[in-house]
């Protein structure tokens, strides 16, 4: 099972996500936010957006929004935006 191991804010609504399979990708949440559902509306606020956290490998916000690491990983792979981390000796 894929988990998110680390998340970093890059710009606007883009997070760099690191996964348990030694891959990473830059995930743009703007398309999700554009849907304007009740759970994603708060992400329009810059300060709120940056208050993401990881819980059991999922990307979360305090309003209960939880994004599946497996789905994010698949989307990034399908968009060819998934990269393998290189180990530095």
N, C-alpha and C. Protein backbone atom coordinates (compact mmCIF):
# COMPACT_ATOMS: atom_id res chain seq x y z
N UNK A 1 0.84 -1.18 0.00
CA UNK A 1 0.00 0.00 0.00
C UNK A 1 0.89 1.25 0.00
N UNK A 2 0.63 2.15 -0.94
CA UNK A 2 1.38 3.40 -1.07
C UNK A 2 0.94 4.38 0.02
N UNK A 3 1.93 5.05 0.62
CA UNK A 3 1.65 6.10 1.60
C UNK A 3 2.45 7.33 1.22
N UNK A 4 1.95 8.48 1.62
CA UNK A 4 2.71 9.72 1.49
C UNK A 4 3.58 9.82 2.73
N UNK A 5 4.87 10.00 2.53
CA UNK A 5 5.81 10.05 3.65
C UNK A 5 6.23 11.47 4.00
N UNK A 6 6.08 12.38 3.03
CA UNK A 6 6.46 13.77 3.26
C UNK A 6 5.71 14.64 2.26
N UNK A 7 5.38 15.86 2.68
CA UNK A 7 4.69 16.81 1.79
C UNK A 7 5.27 18.19 2.02
N UNK A 8 5.51 18.90 0.91
CA UNK A 8 6.06 20.25 0.97
C UNK A 8 5.24 21.17 0.07
N UNK A 9 4.93 22.36 0.56
CA UNK A 9 4.26 23.35 -0.26
C UNK A 9 5.29 23.93 -1.22
N UNK A 10 4.94 24.02 -2.51
CA UNK A 10 5.84 24.60 -3.51
C UNK A 10 5.40 25.99 -3.94
N UNK A 11 4.16 26.09 -4.40
CA UNK A 11 3.62 27.37 -4.88
C UNK A 11 2.11 27.25 -5.00
N UNK A 12 1.42 28.35 -4.91
CA UNK A 12 -0.02 28.41 -5.07
C UNK A 12 -0.71 27.17 -4.50
N UNK A 13 -1.20 26.27 -5.34
CA UNK A 13 -1.92 25.08 -4.87
C UNK A 13 -1.19 23.80 -5.26
N UNK A 14 0.14 23.88 -5.29
CA UNK A 14 0.96 22.73 -5.68
C UNK A 14 1.78 22.26 -4.49
N UNK A 15 1.69 20.95 -4.23
CA UNK A 15 2.47 20.32 -3.17
C UNK A 15 3.41 19.29 -3.79
N UNK A 16 4.62 19.19 -3.28
CA UNK A 16 5.51 18.11 -3.66
C UNK A 16 5.29 16.99 -2.64
N UNK A 17 4.90 15.83 -3.15
CA UNK A 17 4.58 14.69 -2.31
C UNK A 17 5.60 13.59 -2.52
N UNK A 18 6.09 13.04 -1.42
CA UNK A 18 7.03 11.92 -1.44
C UNK A 18 6.28 10.68 -0.98
N UNK A 19 6.48 9.58 -1.70
CA UNK A 19 5.73 8.36 -1.44
C UNK A 19 6.63 7.25 -0.89
N UNK A 20 5.99 6.27 -0.29
CA UNK A 20 6.70 5.18 0.37
C UNK A 20 7.43 4.25 -0.60
N UNK A 21 7.17 4.37 -1.90
CA UNK A 21 7.87 3.55 -2.88
C UNK A 21 9.08 4.27 -3.48
N UNK A 22 9.55 5.32 -2.79
CA UNK A 22 10.74 6.07 -3.18
C UNK A 22 10.50 6.92 -4.43
N UNK A 23 9.26 7.34 -4.65
CA UNK A 23 8.93 8.24 -5.75
C UNK A 23 8.41 9.56 -5.17
N UNK A 24 8.36 10.56 -6.04
CA UNK A 24 7.78 11.85 -5.65
C UNK A 24 7.18 12.52 -6.87
N UNK A 25 6.30 13.47 -6.63
CA UNK A 25 5.70 14.22 -7.71
C UNK A 25 5.08 15.50 -7.19
N UNK A 26 4.91 16.46 -8.09
CA UNK A 26 4.30 17.74 -7.75
C UNK A 26 2.82 17.66 -8.10
N UNK A 27 1.98 17.74 -7.08
CA UNK A 27 0.54 17.55 -7.22
C UNK A 27 -0.17 18.89 -7.16
N UNK A 28 -0.84 19.25 -8.24
CA UNK A 28 -1.60 20.50 -8.32
C UNK A 28 -3.03 20.22 -7.89
N UNK A 29 -3.44 20.84 -6.79
CA UNK A 29 -4.78 20.63 -6.27
C UNK A 29 -5.80 21.59 -6.84
N UNK A 30 -5.39 22.51 -7.71
CA UNK A 30 -6.33 23.50 -8.24
C UNK A 30 -7.53 22.86 -8.95
N UNK A 31 -7.34 21.81 -9.77
CA UNK A 31 -8.52 21.19 -10.40
C UNK A 31 -9.53 20.67 -9.37
N UNK A 32 -9.04 20.13 -8.27
CA UNK A 32 -9.94 19.66 -7.21
C UNK A 32 -10.64 20.85 -6.55
N UNK A 33 -9.90 21.90 -6.28
CA UNK A 33 -10.47 23.09 -5.64
C UNK A 33 -11.52 23.74 -6.54
N UNK A 34 -11.29 23.70 -7.85
CA UNK A 34 -12.23 24.30 -8.80
C UNK A 34 -13.61 23.65 -8.75
N UNK A 35 -13.70 22.46 -8.22
CA UNK A 35 -15.02 21.80 -8.09
C UNK A 35 -15.91 22.48 -7.05
N UNK A 36 -15.27 23.21 -6.12
CA UNK A 36 -15.98 23.98 -5.10
C UNK A 36 -16.95 23.16 -4.25
N UNK A 37 -16.56 21.94 -3.90
CA UNK A 37 -17.38 21.18 -2.97
C UNK A 37 -17.16 21.74 -1.56
N UNK A 38 -18.02 21.38 -0.64
CA UNK A 38 -17.95 21.93 0.72
C UNK A 38 -16.60 21.66 1.38
N UNK A 39 -16.05 20.48 1.18
CA UNK A 39 -14.78 20.15 1.84
C UNK A 39 -13.58 20.86 1.22
N UNK A 40 -13.64 21.22 -0.04
CA UNK A 40 -12.48 21.86 -0.67
C UNK A 40 -12.56 23.38 -0.68
N UNK A 41 -13.72 23.95 -0.43
CA UNK A 41 -13.83 25.42 -0.43
C UNK A 41 -12.82 26.10 0.49
N UNK A 42 -12.57 25.58 1.69
CA UNK A 42 -11.59 26.24 2.56
C UNK A 42 -10.18 26.31 1.98
N UNK A 43 -9.87 25.44 1.01
CA UNK A 43 -8.53 25.41 0.43
C UNK A 43 -8.26 26.64 -0.44
N UNK A 44 -9.27 27.43 -0.72
CA UNK A 44 -9.08 28.69 -1.45
C UNK A 44 -8.27 29.70 -0.62
N UNK A 45 -8.32 29.56 0.67
CA UNK A 45 -7.58 30.45 1.57
C UNK A 45 -6.13 29.97 1.67
N UNK A 46 -5.19 30.86 1.35
CA UNK A 46 -3.77 30.49 1.33
C UNK A 46 -3.28 29.92 2.67
N UNK A 47 -3.63 30.59 3.75
CA UNK A 47 -3.17 30.12 5.07
C UNK A 47 -3.74 28.76 5.41
N UNK A 48 -5.02 28.57 5.12
CA UNK A 48 -5.65 27.28 5.40
C UNK A 48 -5.04 26.18 4.55
N UNK A 49 -4.83 26.47 3.28
CA UNK A 49 -4.26 25.47 2.37
C UNK A 49 -2.93 24.95 2.91
N UNK A 50 -2.11 25.83 3.42
CA UNK A 50 -0.76 25.46 3.89
C UNK A 50 -0.79 24.70 5.21
N UNK A 51 -1.96 24.52 5.81
CA UNK A 51 -2.06 23.80 7.08
C UNK A 51 -2.36 22.31 6.87
N UNK A 52 -1.94 21.78 5.73
CA UNK A 52 -2.11 20.35 5.46
C UNK A 52 -1.23 19.55 6.43
N UNK A 53 -1.58 18.29 6.60
CA UNK A 53 -0.78 17.38 7.42
C UNK A 53 -0.98 15.97 6.89
N UNK A 54 -0.11 15.09 7.33
CA UNK A 54 -0.22 13.69 6.93
C UNK A 54 -0.74 12.88 8.10
N UNK A 55 -1.67 11.99 7.80
CA UNK A 55 -2.20 11.09 8.82
C UNK A 55 -2.32 9.70 8.20
N UNK A 56 -1.58 8.77 8.76
CA UNK A 56 -1.56 7.39 8.26
C UNK A 56 -1.27 7.34 6.76
N UNK A 57 -0.41 8.25 6.31
CA UNK A 57 0.02 8.26 4.91
C UNK A 57 -0.89 8.98 3.96
N UNK A 58 -1.96 9.59 4.46
CA UNK A 58 -2.90 10.33 3.62
C UNK A 58 -2.68 11.84 3.80
N UNK A 59 -3.04 12.61 2.78
CA UNK A 59 -2.94 14.06 2.82
C UNK A 59 -4.25 14.61 3.40
N UNK A 60 -4.15 15.42 4.46
CA UNK A 60 -5.34 15.83 5.21
C UNK A 60 -5.33 17.31 5.55
N UNK A 61 -6.54 17.81 5.83
CA UNK A 61 -6.74 19.14 6.40
C UNK A 61 -7.67 18.98 7.59
N UNK A 62 -7.67 19.95 8.47
CA UNK A 62 -8.38 19.81 9.74
C UNK A 62 -9.90 19.79 9.62
N UNK A 63 -10.46 20.14 8.45
CA UNK A 63 -11.91 20.09 8.28
C UNK A 63 -12.41 18.68 7.95
N UNK A 64 -11.49 17.71 7.90
CA UNK A 64 -11.89 16.33 7.62
C UNK A 64 -11.57 15.89 6.20
N UNK A 65 -11.09 16.80 5.36
CA UNK A 65 -10.71 16.42 4.00
C UNK A 65 -9.49 15.52 4.06
N UNK A 66 -9.60 14.36 3.43
CA UNK A 66 -8.52 13.38 3.42
C UNK A 66 -8.41 12.84 1.99
N UNK A 67 -7.22 12.98 1.41
CA UNK A 67 -7.00 12.54 0.04
C UNK A 67 -6.18 11.26 0.04
N UNK A 68 -6.63 10.30 -0.70
CA UNK A 68 -6.02 8.97 -0.76
C UNK A 68 -4.64 9.03 -1.41
N UNK A 69 -3.63 8.51 -0.74
CA UNK A 69 -2.29 8.50 -1.34
C UNK A 69 -2.24 7.63 -2.60
N UNK A 70 -2.98 6.55 -2.63
CA UNK A 70 -2.99 5.67 -3.80
C UNK A 70 -3.55 6.36 -5.02
N UNK A 71 -4.65 7.12 -4.83
CA UNK A 71 -5.25 7.84 -5.95
C UNK A 71 -4.34 8.95 -6.47
N UNK A 72 -3.72 9.68 -5.55
CA UNK A 72 -2.79 10.75 -5.96
C UNK A 72 -1.61 10.15 -6.72
N UNK A 73 -1.06 9.07 -6.19
CA UNK A 73 0.08 8.39 -6.82
C UNK A 73 -0.29 7.96 -8.24
N UNK A 74 -1.47 7.39 -8.41
CA UNK A 74 -1.92 6.93 -9.73
C UNK A 74 -2.09 8.10 -10.69
N UNK A 75 -2.70 9.19 -10.21
CA UNK A 75 -2.88 10.37 -11.06
C UNK A 75 -1.54 10.92 -11.54
N UNK A 76 -0.58 11.03 -10.61
CA UNK A 76 0.74 11.53 -10.98
C UNK A 76 1.42 10.59 -11.97
N UNK A 77 1.28 9.28 -11.77
CA UNK A 77 1.87 8.31 -12.69
C UNK A 77 1.23 8.41 -14.07
N UNK A 78 -0.10 8.52 -14.11
CA UNK A 78 -0.82 8.62 -15.38
C UNK A 78 -0.43 9.89 -16.14
N UNK A 79 -0.11 10.95 -15.41
CA UNK A 79 0.28 12.23 -16.02
C UNK A 79 1.79 12.30 -16.28
N UNK A 80 2.48 11.21 -16.00
CA UNK A 80 3.94 11.12 -16.12
C UNK A 80 4.64 12.20 -15.31
N UNK A 81 4.12 12.46 -14.11
CA UNK A 81 4.69 13.46 -13.21
C UNK A 81 5.30 12.81 -11.97
N UNK A 82 5.49 11.50 -12.01
CA UNK A 82 6.05 10.78 -10.88
C UNK A 82 7.53 10.51 -11.18
N UNK A 83 8.38 10.80 -10.22
CA UNK A 83 9.82 10.65 -10.39
C UNK A 83 10.39 9.76 -9.30
N UNK A 84 11.48 9.09 -9.60
CA UNK A 84 12.15 8.25 -8.61
C UNK A 84 13.20 9.07 -7.90
N UNK A 85 13.22 8.98 -6.58
CA UNK A 85 14.24 9.68 -5.79
C UNK A 85 15.57 9.00 -5.99
N UNK A 86 16.61 9.79 -6.11
CA UNK A 86 17.95 9.23 -6.20
C UNK A 86 18.60 9.31 -4.83
N UNK A 87 19.24 8.24 -4.48
CA UNK A 87 19.92 8.17 -3.18
C UNK A 87 21.30 8.78 -3.29
N UNK A 88 21.64 9.64 -2.36
CA UNK A 88 22.96 10.24 -2.33
C UNK A 88 23.80 9.50 -1.29
N UNK A 89 24.96 9.04 -1.71
CA UNK A 89 25.81 8.26 -0.80
C UNK A 89 26.64 9.16 0.08
